[in-house]
Amino acid sequence: MATLHIEHPITDYPTWRAAFDGLADARRQNGVMSERVTQPVDDPRYIVVDLDFATAEQAASFLRFLEARVWASSTSAPALAGRPRTAILQPAPTAAG
């Protein structure tokens, strides 16, 4: 499993959420198995999204889609305020016993 971790500032949550919800089919069609949206308790203008995929390659492919087709346009990402920080994460190995 791999997780595409995304964090970025937003202008307002309702606008951001509407745009995020509008991409539900794209997420599903590109292999997103589960998603989590969180915010810092002290910053309503910041968002953290974790999207889980079966493979790191799927996560990387979806990141390229976001960069080229979503974040590049203020119409597609109306509440994006600043450049998203991203990382593709995988489970860390367990300690050898």
PDB file of N, CA and C in Angstrom:
ATOM      1  N   MET A   1       0.836  -1.181   0.000  1.00  0.00           N
ATOM      2  CA  MET A   1       0.000   0.000   0.000  1.00  0.00           C
ATOM      3  C   MET A   1       0.880   1.244   0.000  1.00  0.00           C
ATOM      4  N   ALA A   2       0.389   2.296  -0.631  1.00  0.00           N
ATOM      5  CA  ALA A   2       1.076   3.582  -0.659  1.00  0.00           C
ATOM      6  C   ALA A   2       0.059   4.682  -0.386  1.00  0.00           C
ATOM      7  N   THR A   3       0.520   5.747   0.227  1.00  0.00           N
ATOM      8  CA  THR A   3      -0.339   6.887   0.537  1.00  0.00           C
ATOM      9  C   THR A   3       0.219   8.128  -0.123  1.00  0.00           C
ATOM     10  N   LEU A   4      -0.639   8.834  -0.852  1.00  0.00           N
ATOM     11  CA  LEU A   4      -0.284  10.151  -1.358  1.00  0.00           C
ATOM     12  C   LEU A   4      -0.715  11.146  -0.291  1.00  0.00           C
ATOM     13  N   HIS A   5       0.271  11.771   0.337  1.00  0.00           N
ATOM     14  CA  HIS A   5       0.049  12.736   1.417  1.00  0.00           C
ATOM     15  C   HIS A   5       0.138  14.131   0.806  1.00  0.00           C
ATOM     16  N   ILE A   6      -0.898  14.932   1.024  1.00  0.00           N
ATOM     17  CA  ILE A   6      -0.976  16.281   0.446  1.00  0.00           C
ATOM     18  C   ILE A   6      -1.335  17.249   1.557  1.00  0.00           C
ATOM     19  N   GLU A   7      -0.629  18.366   1.623  1.00  0.00           N
ATOM     20  CA  GLU A   7      -1.020  19.429   2.540  1.00  0.00           C
ATOM     21  C   GLU A   7      -0.832  20.774   1.868  1.00  0.00           C
ATOM     22  N   HIS A   8      -1.779  21.669   2.147  1.00  0.00           N
ATOM     23  CA  HIS A   8      -1.672  23.004   1.562  1.00  0.00           C
ATOM     24  C   HIS A   8      -2.637  23.976   2.233  1.00  0.00           C
ATOM     25  N   PRO A   9      -2.310  25.267   2.134  1.00  0.00           N
ATOM     26  CA  PRO A   9      -3.235  26.286   2.630  1.00  0.00           C
ATOM     27  C   PRO A   9      -4.419  26.419   1.674  1.00  0.00           C
ATOM     28  N   ILE A  10      -5.564  26.815   2.226  1.00  0.00           N
ATOM     29  CA  ILE A  10      -6.765  27.036   1.436  1.00  0.00           C
ATOM     30  C   ILE A  10      -7.355  28.398   1.785  1.00  0.00           C
ATOM     31  N   THR A  11      -8.190  28.926   0.887  1.00  0.00           N
ATOM     32  CA  THR A  11      -8.834  30.207   1.177  1.00  0.00           C
ATOM     33  C   THR A  11     -10.069  30.025   2.043  1.00  0.00           C
ATOM     34  N   ASP A  12     -10.838  28.964   1.782  1.00  0.00           N
ATOM     35  CA  ASP A  12     -11.972  28.646   2.651  1.00  0.00           C
ATOM     36  C   ASP A  12     -12.375  27.193   2.435  1.00  0.00           C
ATOM     37  N   TYR A  13     -12.830  26.568   3.515  1.00  0.00           N
ATOM     38  CA  TYR A  13     -13.121  25.138   3.468  1.00  0.00           C
ATOM     39  C   TYR A  13     -14.315  24.774   2.586  1.00  0.00           C
ATOM     40  N   PRO A  14     -15.456  25.453   2.652  1.00  0.00           N
ATOM     41  CA  PRO A  14     -16.587  25.040   1.813  1.00  0.00           C
ATOM     42  C   PRO A  14     -16.256  25.036   0.311  1.00  0.00           C
ATOM     43  N   THR A  15     -15.529  26.029  -0.149  1.00  0.00           N
ATOM     44  CA  THR A  15     -15.134  26.070  -1.565  1.00  0.00           C
ATOM     45  C   THR A  15     -14.179  24.934  -1.874  1.00  0.00           C
ATOM     46  N   TRP A  16     -13.188  24.733  -0.990  1.00  0.00           N
ATOM     47  CA  TRP A  16     -12.241  23.635  -1.209  1.00  0.00           C
ATOM     48  C   TRP A  16     -12.973  22.301  -1.223  1.00  0.00           C
ATOM     49  N   ARG A  17     -13.892  22.092  -0.279  1.00  0.00           N
ATOM     50  CA  ARG A  17     -14.580  20.808  -0.176  1.00  0.00           C
ATOM     51  C   ARG A  17     -15.427  20.512  -1.417  1.00  0.00           C
ATOM     52  N   ALA A  18     -16.077  21.531  -1.941  1.00  0.00           N
ATOM     53  CA  ALA A  18     -16.878  21.339  -3.157  1.00  0.00           C
ATOM     54  C   ALA A  18     -15.993  20.892  -4.318  1.00  0.00           C
ATOM     55  N   ALA A  19     -14.813  21.497  -4.460  1.00  0.00           N
ATOM     56  CA  ALA A  19     -13.887  21.100  -5.527  1.00  0.00           C
ATOM     57  C   ALA A  19     -13.367  19.686  -5.282  1.00  0.00           C
ATOM     58  N   PHE A  20     -13.029  19.364  -4.044  1.00  0.00           N
ATOM     59  CA  PHE A  20     -12.549  18.025  -3.699  1.00  0.00           C
ATOM     60  C   PHE A  20     -13.621  16.984  -3.990  1.00  0.00           C
ATOM     61  N   ASP A  21     -14.844  17.244  -3.575  1.00  0.00           N
ATOM     62  CA  ASP A  21     -15.942  16.307  -3.809  1.00  0.00           C
ATOM     63  C   ASP A  21     -16.209  16.134  -5.304  1.00  0.00           C
ATOM     64  N   GLY A  22     -15.986  17.180  -6.073  1.00  0.00           N
ATOM     65  CA  GLY A  22     -16.172  17.113  -7.519  1.00  0.00           C
ATOM     66  C   GLY A  22     -15.193  16.178  -8.207  1.00  0.00           C
ATOM     67  N   LEU A  23     -14.113  15.815  -7.527  1.00  0.00           N
ATOM     68  CA  LEU A  23     -13.116  14.899  -8.091  1.00  0.00           C
ATOM     69  C   LEU A  23     -13.257  13.475  -7.569  1.00  0.00           C
ATOM     70  N   ALA A  24     -14.384  13.166  -6.938  1.00  0.00           N
ATOM     71  CA  ALA A  24     -14.580  11.825  -6.357  1.00  0.00           C
ATOM     72  C   ALA A  24     -14.465  10.734  -7.421  1.00  0.00           C
ATOM     73  N   ASP A  25     -15.077  10.925  -8.585  1.00  0.00           N
ATOM     74  CA  ASP A  25     -14.993   9.913  -9.640  1.00  0.00           C
ATOM     75  C   ASP A  25     -13.567   9.747 -10.135  1.00  0.00           C
ATOM     76  N   ALA A  26     -12.844  10.849 -10.284  1.00  0.00           N
ATOM     77  CA  ALA A  26     -11.442  10.772 -10.740  1.00  0.00           C
ATOM     78  C   ALA A  26     -10.605  10.003  -9.726  1.00  0.00           C
ATOM     79  N   ARG A  27     -10.831  10.237  -8.440  1.00  0.00           N
ATOM     80  CA  ARG A  27     -10.083   9.500  -7.421  1.00  0.00           C
ATOM     81  C   ARG A  27     -10.382   8.008  -7.525  1.00  0.00           C
ATOM     82  N   ARG A  28     -11.646   7.671  -7.605  1.00  0.00           N
ATOM     83  CA  ARG A  28     -12.045   6.263  -7.673  1.00  0.00           C
ATOM     84  C   ARG A  28     -11.478   5.602  -8.931  1.00  0.00           C
ATOM     85  N   GLN A  29     -11.586   6.262 -10.085  1.00  0.00           N
ATOM     86  CA  GLN A  29     -11.108   5.700 -11.352  1.00  0.00           C
ATOM     87  C   GLN A  29      -9.589   5.554 -11.390  1.00  0.00           C
ATOM     88  N   ASN A  30      -8.893   6.292 -10.550  1.00  0.00           N
ATOM     89  CA  ASN A  30      -7.432   6.234 -10.533  1.00  0.00           C
ATOM     90  C   ASN A  30      -6.878   5.418  -9.377  1.00  0.00           C
ATOM     91  N   GLY A  31      -7.731   4.633  -8.741  1.00  0.00           N
ATOM     92  CA  GLY A  31      -7.239   3.664  -7.772  1.00  0.00           C
ATOM     93  C   GLY A  31      -7.235   4.068  -6.321  1.00  0.00           C
ATOM     94  N   VAL A  32      -7.844   5.203  -5.974  1.00  0.00           N
ATOM     95  CA  VAL A  32      -7.882   5.580  -4.558  1.00  0.00           C
ATOM     96  C   VAL A  32      -8.774   4.587  -3.821  1.00  0.00           C
ATOM     97  N   MET A  33      -8.194   3.925  -2.837  1.00  0.00           N
ATOM     98  CA  MET A  33      -8.919   2.907  -2.059  1.00  0.00           C
ATOM     99  C   MET A  33      -9.585   3.511  -0.827  1.00  0.00           C
ATOM    100  N   SER A  34      -8.965   4.527  -0.245  1.00  0.00           N
ATOM    101  CA  SER A  34      -9.561   5.235   0.888  1.00  0.00           C
ATOM    102  C   SER A  34      -8.935   6.616   0.971  1.00  0.00           C
ATOM    103  N   GLU A  35      -9.597   7.507   1.679  1.00  0.00           N
ATOM    104  CA  GLU A  35      -9.128   8.885   1.796  1.00  0.00           C
ATOM    105  C   GLU A  35      -9.440   9.424   3.176  1.00  0.00           C
ATOM    106  N   ARG A  36      -8.579  10.333   3.624  1.00  0.00           N
ATOM    107  CA  ARG A  36      -8.763  11.019   4.894  1.00  0.00           C
ATOM    108  C   ARG A  36      -8.488  12.498   4.672  1.00  0.00           C
ATOM    109  N   VAL A  37      -9.381  13.334   5.169  1.00  0.00           N
ATOM    110  CA  VAL A  37      -9.206  14.782   5.105  1.00  0.00           C
ATOM    111  C   VAL A  37      -9.172  15.276   6.537  1.00  0.00           C
ATOM    112  N   THR A  38      -8.096  15.962   6.901  1.00  0.00           N
ATOM    113  CA  THR A  38      -7.962  16.492   8.258  1.00  0.00           C
ATOM    114  C   THR A  38      -7.475  17.934   8.188  1.00  0.00           C
ATOM    115  N   GLN A  39      -7.615  18.622   9.312  1.00  0.00           N
ATOM    116  CA  GLN A  39      -7.134  19.994   9.448  1.00  0.00           C
ATOM    117  C   GLN A  39      -6.481  20.157  10.811  1.00  0.00           C
ATOM    118  N   PRO A  40      -5.489  21.028  10.889  1.00  0.00           N
ATOM    119  CA  PRO A  40      -4.940  21.355  12.209  1.00  0.00           C
ATOM    120  C   PRO A  40      -6.033  21.983  13.080  1.00  0.00           C
ATOM    121  N   VAL A  41      -6.035  21.687  14.346  1.00  0.00           N
ATOM    122  CA  VAL A  41      -7.072  22.229  15.232  1.00  0.00           C
ATOM    123  C   VAL A  41      -7.006  23.748  15.347  1.00  0.00           C
ATOM    124  N   ASP A  42      -5.856  24.322  15.062  1.00  0.00           N
ATOM    125  CA  ASP A  42      -5.697  25.770  15.213  1.00  0.00           C
ATOM    126  C   ASP A  42      -5.581  26.515  13.881  1.00  0.00           C
ATOM    127  N   ASP A  43      -5.900  25.856  12.751  1.00  0.00           N
ATOM    128  CA  ASP A  43      -5.760  26.525  11.459  1.00  0.00           C
ATOM    129  C   ASP A  43      -6.811  26.037  10.461  1.00  0.00           C
ATOM    130  N   PRO A  44      -7.970  26.684  10.410  1.00  0.00           N
ATOM    131  CA  PRO A  44      -9.026  26.270   9.487  1.00  0.00           C
ATOM    132  C   PRO A  44      -8.708  26.570   8.024  1.00  0.00           C
ATOM    133  N   ARG A  45      -7.603  27.242   7.781  1.00  0.00           N
ATOM    134  CA  ARG A  45      -7.216  27.561   6.399  1.00  0.00           C
ATOM    135  C   ARG A  45      -6.048  26.688   5.920  1.00  0.00           C
ATOM    136  N   TYR A  46      -5.957  25.501   6.494  1.00  0.00           N
ATOM    137  CA  TYR A  46      -4.936  24.535   6.083  1.00  0.00           C
ATOM    138  C   TYR A  46      -5.594  23.165   6.029  1.00  0.00           C
ATOM    139  N   ILE A  47      -5.224  22.370   5.040  1.00  0.00           N
ATOM    140  CA  ILE A  47      -5.860  21.071   4.835  1.00  0.00           C
ATOM    141  C   ILE A  47      -4.794  20.001   4.656  1.00  0.00           C
ATOM    142  N   VAL A  48      -5.079  18.811   5.140  1.00  0.00           N
ATOM    143  CA  VAL A  48      -4.200  17.658   4.977  1.00  0.00           C
ATOM    144  C   VAL A  48      -5.055  16.525   4.404  1.00  0.00           C
ATOM    145  N   VAL A  49      -4.596  15.943   3.291  1.00  0.00           N
ATOM    146  CA  VAL A  49      -5.330  14.869   2.629  1.00  0.00           C
ATOM    147  C   VAL A  49      -4.398  13.673   2.482  1.00  0.00           C
ATOM    148  N   ASP A  50      -4.887  12.503   2.838  1.00  0.00           N
ATOM    149  CA  ASP A  50      -4.162  11.255   2.615  1.00  0.00           C
ATOM    150  C   ASP A  50      -5.023  10.363   1.736  1.00  0.00           C
ATOM    151  N   LEU A  51      -4.463   9.977   0.578  1.00  0.00           N
ATOM    152  CA  LEU A  51      -5.147   9.108  -0.374  1.00  0.00           C
ATOM    153  C   LEU A  51      -4.383   7.795  -0.449  1.00  0.00           C
ATOM    154  N   ASP A  52      -5.058   6.687  -0.192  1.00  0.00           N
ATOM    155  CA  ASP A  52      -4.413   5.375  -0.183  1.00  0.00           C
ATOM    156  C   ASP A  52      -4.610   4.662  -1.513  1.00  0.00           C
ATOM    157  N   PHE A  53      -3.526   4.070  -2.011  1.00  0.00           N
ATOM    158  CA  PHE A  53      -3.487   3.332  -3.273  1.00  0.00           C
ATOM    159  C   PHE A  53      -2.871   1.961  -3.021  1.00  0.00           C
ATOM    160  N   ALA A  54      -3.094   1.054  -3.946  1.00  0.00           N
ATOM    161  CA  ALA A  54      -2.479  -0.274  -3.850  1.00  0.00           C
ATOM    162  C   ALA A  54      -0.972  -0.192  -4.068  1.00  0.00           C
ATOM    163  N   THR A  55      -0.522   0.721  -4.953  1.00  0.00           N
ATOM    164  CA  THR A  55       0.899   0.807  -5.288  1.00  0.00           C
ATOM    165  C   THR A  55       1.388   2.252  -5.291  1.00  0.00           C
ATOM    166  N   ALA A  56       2.693   2.409  -5.137  1.00  0.00           N
ATOM    167  CA  ALA A  56       3.314   3.735  -5.219  1.00  0.00           C
ATOM    168  C   ALA A  56       3.195   4.292  -6.634  1.00  0.00           C
ATOM    169  N   GLU A  57       3.194   3.427  -7.647  1.00  0.00           N
ATOM    170  CA  GLU A  57       3.060   3.879  -9.029  1.00  0.00           C
ATOM    171  C   GLU A  57       1.696   4.528  -9.262  1.00  0.00           C
ATOM    172  N   GLN A  58       0.641   3.964  -8.685  1.00  0.00           N
ATOM    173  CA  GLN A  58      -0.685   4.577  -8.804  1.00  0.00           C
ATOM    174  C   GLN A  58      -0.715   5.936  -8.109  1.00  0.00           C
ATOM    175  N   ALA A  59      -0.099   6.020  -6.947  1.00  0.00           N
ATOM    176  CA  ALA A  59      -0.050   7.285  -6.218  1.00  0.00           C
ATOM    177  C   ALA A  59       0.698   8.337  -7.029  1.00  0.00           C
ATOM    178  N   ALA A  60       1.828   7.953  -7.630  1.00  0.00           N
ATOM    179  CA  ALA A  60       2.619   8.887  -8.438  1.00  0.00           C
ATOM    180  C   ALA A  60       1.840   9.333  -9.667  1.00  0.00           C
ATOM    181  N   SER A  61       1.120   8.426 -10.287  1.00  0.00           N
ATOM    182  CA  SER A  61       0.319   8.766 -11.455  1.00  0.00           C
ATOM    183  C   SER A  61      -0.781   9.756 -11.096  1.00  0.00           C
ATOM    184  N   PHE A  62      -1.434   9.545  -9.962  1.00  0.00           N
ATOM    185  CA  PHE A  62      -2.489  10.467  -9.552  1.00  0.00           C
ATOM    186  C   PHE A  62      -1.906  11.824  -9.167  1.00  0.00           C
ATOM    187  N   LEU A  63      -0.738  11.841  -8.575  1.00  0.00           N
ATOM    188  CA  LEU A  63      -0.071  13.110  -8.265  1.00  0.00           C
ATOM    189  C   LEU A  63       0.209  13.879  -9.547  1.00  0.00           C
ATOM    190  N   ARG A  64       0.676  13.209 -10.584  1.00  0.00           N
ATOM    191  CA  ARG A  64       0.912  13.887 -11.869  1.00  0.00           C
ATOM    192  C   ARG A  64      -0.388  14.462 -12.427  1.00  0.00           C
ATOM    193  N   PHE A  65      -1.484  13.721 -12.299  1.00  0.00           N
ATOM    194  CA  PHE A  65      -2.799  14.214 -12.719  1.00  0.00           C
ATOM    195  C   PHE A  65      -3.159  15.487 -11.951  1.00  0.00           C
ATOM    196  N   LEU A  66      -2.995  15.467 -10.637  1.00  0.00           N
ATOM    197  CA  LEU A  66      -3.316  16.646  -9.831  1.00  0.00           C
ATOM    198  C   LEU A  66      -2.480  17.853 -10.248  1.00  0.00           C
ATOM    199  N   GLU A  67      -1.186  17.631 -10.451  1.00  0.00           N
ATOM    200  CA  GLU A  67      -0.293  18.738 -10.813  1.00  0.00           C
ATOM    201  C   GLU A  67      -0.652  19.326 -12.177  1.00  0.00           C
ATOM    202  N   ALA A  68      -0.948  18.468 -13.146  1.00  0.00           N
ATOM    203  CA  ALA A  68      -1.175  18.931 -14.517  1.00  0.00           C
ATOM    204  C   ALA A  68      -2.605  19.398 -14.777  1.00  0.00           C
ATOM    205  N   ARG A  69      -3.582  18.740 -14.159  1.00  0.00           N
ATOM    206  CA  ARG A  69      -4.968  18.992 -14.541  1.00  0.00           C
ATOM    207  C   ARG A  69      -5.794  19.699 -13.479  1.00  0.00           C
ATOM    208  N   VAL A  70      -5.344  19.660 -12.230  1.00  0.00           N
ATOM    209  CA  VAL A  70      -6.153  20.257 -11.166  1.00  0.00           C
ATOM    210  C   VAL A  70      -5.466  21.495 -10.601  1.00  0.00           C
ATOM    211  N   TRP A  71      -4.308  21.328 -10.026  1.00  0.00           N
ATOM    212  CA  TRP A  71      -3.654  22.447  -9.347  1.00  0.00           C
ATOM    213  C   TRP A  71      -3.152  23.519 -10.302  1.00  0.00           C
ATOM    214  N   ALA A  72      -3.008  23.215 -11.564  1.00  0.00           N
ATOM    215  CA  ALA A  72      -2.522  24.188 -12.541  1.00  0.00           C
ATOM    216  C   ALA A  72      -3.585  25.226 -12.903  1.00  0.00           C
ATOM    217  N   SER A  73      -4.819  25.001 -12.503  1.00  0.00           N
ATOM    218  CA  SER A  73      -5.922  25.884 -12.892  1.00  0.00           C
ATOM    219  C   SER A  73      -6.676  26.370 -11.666  1.00  0.00           C
ATOM    220  N   SER A  74      -6.845  27.674 -11.564  1.00  0.00           N
ATOM    221  CA  SER A  74      -7.614  28.206 -10.433  1.00  0.00           C
ATOM    222  C   SER A  74      -9.088  27.823 -10.545  1.00  0.00           C
ATOM    223  N   THR A  75      -9.554  27.501 -11.735  1.00  0.00           N
ATOM    224  CA  THR A  75     -10.927  27.033 -11.906  1.00  0.00           C
ATOM    225  C   THR A  75     -11.103  25.646 -11.305  1.00  0.00           C
ATOM    226  N   SER A  76     -10.112  24.775 -11.513  1.00  0.00           N
ATOM    227  CA  SER A  76     -10.178  23.414 -10.979  1.00  0.00           C
ATOM    228  C   SER A  76      -9.858  23.354  -9.493  1.00  0.00           C
ATOM    229  N   ALA A  77      -9.070  24.291  -9.018  1.00  0.00           N
ATOM    230  CA  ALA A  77      -8.668  24.328  -7.605  1.00  0.00           C
ATOM    231  C   ALA A  77      -8.938  25.727  -7.050  1.00  0.00           C
ATOM    232  N   PRO A  78     -10.230  26.094  -6.930  1.00  0.00           N
ATOM    233  CA  PRO A  78     -10.570  27.480  -6.591  1.00  0.00           C
ATOM    234  C   PRO A  78     -10.149  27.940  -5.204  1.00  0.00           C
ATOM    235  N   ALA A  79      -9.964  27.058  -4.263  1.00  0.00           N
ATOM    236  CA  ALA A  79      -9.617  27.479  -2.898  1.00  0.00           C
ATOM    237  C   ALA A  79      -8.158  27.217  -2.559  1.00  0.00           C
ATOM    238  N   LEU A  80      -7.381  26.764  -3.528  1.00  0.00           N
ATOM    239  CA  LEU A  80      -5.968  26.496  -3.281  1.00  0.00           C
ATOM    240  C   LEU A  80      -5.239  27.817  -3.057  1.00  0.00           C
ATOM    241  N   ALA A  81      -4.513  27.896  -1.960  1.00  0.00           N
ATOM    242  CA  ALA A  81      -3.768  29.112  -1.623  1.00  0.00           C
ATOM    243  C   ALA A  81      -2.317  28.705  -1.377  1.00  0.00           C
ATOM    244  N   GLY A  82      -1.518  28.749  -2.400  1.00  0.00           N
ATOM    245  CA  GLY A  82      -0.132  28.332  -2.261  1.00  0.00           C
ATOM    246  C   GLY A  82       0.101  26.977  -2.885  1.00  0.00           C
ATOM    247  N   ARG A  83       1.339  26.597  -2.913  1.00  0.00           N
ATOM    248  CA  ARG A  83       1.746  25.340  -3.547  1.00  0.00           C
ATOM    249  C   ARG A  83       1.579  24.162  -2.587  1.00  0.00           C
ATOM    250  N   PRO A  84       0.910  23.100  -3.035  1.00  0.00           N
ATOM    251  CA  PRO A  84       0.771  21.930  -2.174  1.00  0.00           C
ATOM    252  C   PRO A  84       2.113  21.264  -1.887  1.00  0.00           C
ATOM    253  N   ARG A  85       2.256  20.753  -0.681  1.00  0.00           N
ATOM    254  CA  ARG A  85       3.396  19.894  -0.315  1.00  0.00           C
ATOM    255  C   ARG A  85       2.905  18.469  -0.406  1.00  0.00           C
ATOM    256  N   THR A  86       3.679  17.628  -1.051  1.00  0.00           N
ATOM    257  CA  THR A  86       3.246  16.247  -1.238  1.00  0.00           C
ATOM    258  C   THR A  86       4.365  15.274  -0.898  1.00  0.00           C
ATOM    259  N   ALA A  87       3.961  14.060  -0.583  1.00  0.00           N
ATOM    260  CA  ALA A  87       4.898  12.962  -0.385  1.00  0.00           C
ATOM    261  C   ALA A  87       4.143  11.665  -0.651  1.00  0.00           C
ATOM    262  N   ILE A  88       4.831  10.722  -1.266  1.00  0.00           N
ATOM    263  CA  ILE A  88       4.273   9.386  -1.412  1.00  0.00           C
ATOM    264  C   ILE A  88       4.895   8.540  -0.315  1.00  0.00           C
ATOM    265  N   LEU A  89       4.034   8.002   0.536  1.00  0.00           N
ATOM    266  CA  LEU A  89       4.479   7.284   1.726  1.00  0.00           C
ATOM    267  C   LEU A  89       4.166   5.802   1.586  1.00  0.00           C
ATOM    268  N   GLN A  90       4.978   4.990   2.236  1.00  0.00           N
ATOM    269  CA  GLN A  90       4.709   3.563   2.329  1.00  0.00           C
ATOM    270  C   GLN A  90       4.964   3.116   3.753  1.00  0.00           C
ATOM    271  N   PRO A  91       4.398   1.997   4.166  1.00  0.00           N
ATOM    272  CA  PRO A  91       4.638   1.548   5.541  1.00  0.00           C
ATOM    273  C   PRO A  91       6.135   1.323   5.781  1.00  0.00           C
ATOM    274  N   ALA A  92       6.593   1.745   6.927  1.00  0.00           N
ATOM    275  CA  ALA A  92       7.996   1.528   7.292  1.00  0.00           C
ATOM    276  C   ALA A  92       8.200   0.064   7.692  1.00  0.00           C
ATOM    277  N   PRO A  93       9.373  -0.449   7.426  1.00  0.00           N
ATOM    278  CA  PRO A  93       9.633  -1.839   7.827  1.00  0.00           C
ATOM    279  C   PRO A  93       9.597  -1.996   9.349  1.00  0.00           C
ATOM    280  N   THR A  94       9.215  -3.151   9.801  1.00  0.00           N
ATOM    281  CA  THR A  94       9.217  -3.406  11.233  1.00  0.00           C
ATOM    282  C   THR A  94      10.645  -3.738  11.675  1.00  0.00           C
ATOM    283  N   ALA A  95      10.907  -3.534  12.927  1.00  0.00           N
ATOM    284  CA  ALA A  95      12.244  -3.821  13.471  1.00  0.00           C
ATOM    285  C   ALA A  95      12.498  -5.331  13.425  1.00  0.00           C
ATOM    286  N   ALA A  96      13.694  -5.698  13.024  1.00  0.00           N
ATOM    287  CA  ALA A  96      14.079  -7.120  12.998  1.00  0.00           C
ATOM    288  C   ALA A  96      14.323  -7.570  14.432  1.00  0.00           C
ATOM    289  N   GLY A  97      13.763  -8.701  14.748  1.00  0.00           N
ATOM    290  CA  GLY A  97      13.851  -9.152  16.125  1.00  0.00           C
ATOM    291  C   GLY A  97      14.828 -10.203  16.296  1.00  0.00           C
TER     292      GLY A  97
END
